[in-house]
């Protein structure tokens, strides 16, 4: 489906469709790499989002806290 969409957008020019698809993929790859690098920076600074539950699992049982 994706290849057909590129082929149609290129008006049947297979080479142009291929070049456009590869260029789009490289842009997406660069964006993904930027996101991964940013996540790595945040994690290395201790700002990881979300919780794994590891802290609660390691905490000894005790009275319920509100």
C-alpha atoms as a PDB file:
ATOM      1  CA  UNK A   1       0.000   0.000   0.000  1.00  0.00           C
ATOM      2  CA  UNK A   2       2.782   2.410   0.872  1.00  0.00           C
ATOM      3  CA  UNK A   3       4.740   1.605  -2.285  1.00  0.00           C
ATOM      4  CA  UNK A   4       1.616   2.051  -4.379  1.00  0.00           C
ATOM      5  CA  UNK A   5       0.918   5.417  -2.754  1.00  0.00           C
ATOM      6  CA  UNK A   6       4.438   6.626  -3.549  1.00  0.00           C
ATOM      7  CA  UNK A   7       4.172   5.253  -7.095  1.00  0.00           C
ATOM      8  CA  UNK A   8       0.885   7.065  -7.662  1.00  0.00           C
ATOM      9  CA  UNK A   9       2.201  10.296  -6.141  1.00  0.00           C
ATOM     10  CA  UNK A  10       5.150  10.091  -8.538  1.00  0.00           C
ATOM     11  CA  UNK A  11       2.688   9.619 -11.414  1.00  0.00           C
ATOM     12  CA  UNK A  12       4.098   6.244 -12.362  1.00  0.00           C
ATOM     13  CA  UNK A  13       7.770   7.207 -12.210  1.00  0.00           C
ATOM     14  CA  UNK A  14       9.198   4.292 -10.232  1.00  0.00           C
ATOM     15  CA  UNK A  15      12.622   5.892  -9.745  1.00  0.00           C
ATOM     16  CA  UNK A  16      11.131   9.121  -8.384  1.00  0.00           C
ATOM     17  CA  UNK A  17       8.839   7.109  -6.099  1.00  0.00           C
ATOM     18  CA  UNK A  18      11.812   5.146  -4.737  1.00  0.00           C
ATOM     19  CA  UNK A  19      13.934   8.251  -4.177  1.00  0.00           C
ATOM     20  CA  UNK A  20      11.057  10.021  -2.415  1.00  0.00           C
ATOM     21  CA  UNK A  21      10.322   6.994  -0.199  1.00  0.00           C
ATOM     22  CA  UNK A  22      13.977   6.680   0.813  1.00  0.00           C
ATOM     23  CA  UNK A  23      14.240  10.417   1.516  1.00  0.00           C
ATOM     24  CA  UNK A  24      11.120  10.280   3.687  1.00  0.00           C
ATOM     25  CA  UNK A  25      12.475   7.237   5.533  1.00  0.00           C
ATOM     26  CA  UNK A  26      15.768   9.024   6.228  1.00  0.00           C
ATOM     27  CA  UNK A  27      13.928  12.046   7.631  1.00  0.00           C
ATOM     28  CA  UNK A  28      11.877   9.740   9.890  1.00  0.00           C
ATOM     29  CA  UNK A  29      15.024   7.898  10.973  1.00  0.00           C
ATOM     30  CA  UNK A  30      16.799  11.152  11.856  1.00  0.00           C
ATOM     31  CA  UNK A  31      13.790  12.252  13.928  1.00  0.00           C
ATOM     32  CA  UNK A  32      13.675   8.900  15.736  1.00  0.00           C
ATOM     33  CA  UNK A  33      17.398   9.157  16.504  1.00  0.00           C
ATOM     34  CA  UNK A  34      16.894  12.678  17.926  1.00  0.00           C
ATOM     35  CA  UNK A  35      14.085  11.396  20.141  1.00  0.00           C
ATOM     36  CA  UNK A  36      16.187   8.471  21.370  1.00  0.00           C
ATOM     37  CA  UNK A  37      19.133  10.764  22.107  1.00  0.00           C
ATOM     38  CA  UNK A  38      16.862  13.149  24.030  1.00  0.00           C
ATOM     39  CA  UNK A  39      15.394  10.281  26.054  1.00  0.00           C
ATOM     40  CA  UNK A  40      18.900   9.106  26.856  1.00  0.00           C
ATOM     41  CA  UNK A  41      19.809  12.571  28.107  1.00  0.00           C
ATOM     42  CA  UNK A  42      16.722  12.754  30.289  1.00  0.00           C
ATOM     43  CA  UNK A  43      17.321   9.321  31.754  1.00  0.00           C
ATOM     44  CA  UNK A  44      20.991  10.059  32.406  1.00  0.00           C
ATOM     45  CA  UNK A  45      19.924  13.147  34.353  1.00  0.00           C
ATOM     46  CA  UNK A  46      17.426  11.193  36.396  1.00  0.00           C
ATOM     47  CA  UNK A  47      14.284  12.563  34.796  1.00  0.00           C
ATOM     48  CA  UNK A  48      12.805   9.327  33.502  1.00  0.00           C
ATOM     49  CA  UNK A  49       9.069   9.568  33.065  1.00  0.00           C
ATOM     50  CA  UNK A  50       6.687   6.999  34.440  1.00  0.00           C
ATOM     51  CA  UNK A  51       7.258   4.444  37.113  1.00  0.00           C
ATOM     52  CA  UNK A  52       8.324   0.847  36.758  1.00  0.00           C
ATOM     53  CA  UNK A  53       6.902  -0.218  40.092  1.00  0.00           C
ATOM     54  CA  UNK A  54      10.343  -1.334  41.244  1.00  0.00           C
ATOM     55  CA  UNK A  55      10.306   1.096  44.166  1.00  0.00           C
ATOM     56  CA  UNK A  56       6.993  -0.192  45.473  1.00  0.00           C
ATOM     57  CA  UNK A  57       8.117  -3.794  45.086  1.00  0.00           C
ATOM     58  CA  UNK A  58      11.288  -3.103  47.076  1.00  0.00           C
ATOM     59  CA  UNK A  59       9.505  -1.251  49.880  1.00  0.00           C
ATOM     60  CA  UNK A  60       8.761  -3.477  52.895  1.00  0.00           C
ATOM     61  CA  UNK A  61       5.093  -4.031  53.649  1.00  0.00           C
ATOM     62  CA  UNK A  62       3.645  -1.740  56.237  1.00  0.00           C
ATOM     63  CA  UNK A  63       0.480   0.076  57.207  1.00  0.00           C
ATOM     64  CA  UNK A  64      -1.515   1.494  54.321  1.00  0.00           C
ATOM     65  CA  UNK A  65      -0.729   5.092  53.534  1.00  0.00           C
ATOM     66  CA  UNK A  66      -3.283   7.486  52.064  1.00  0.00           C
END
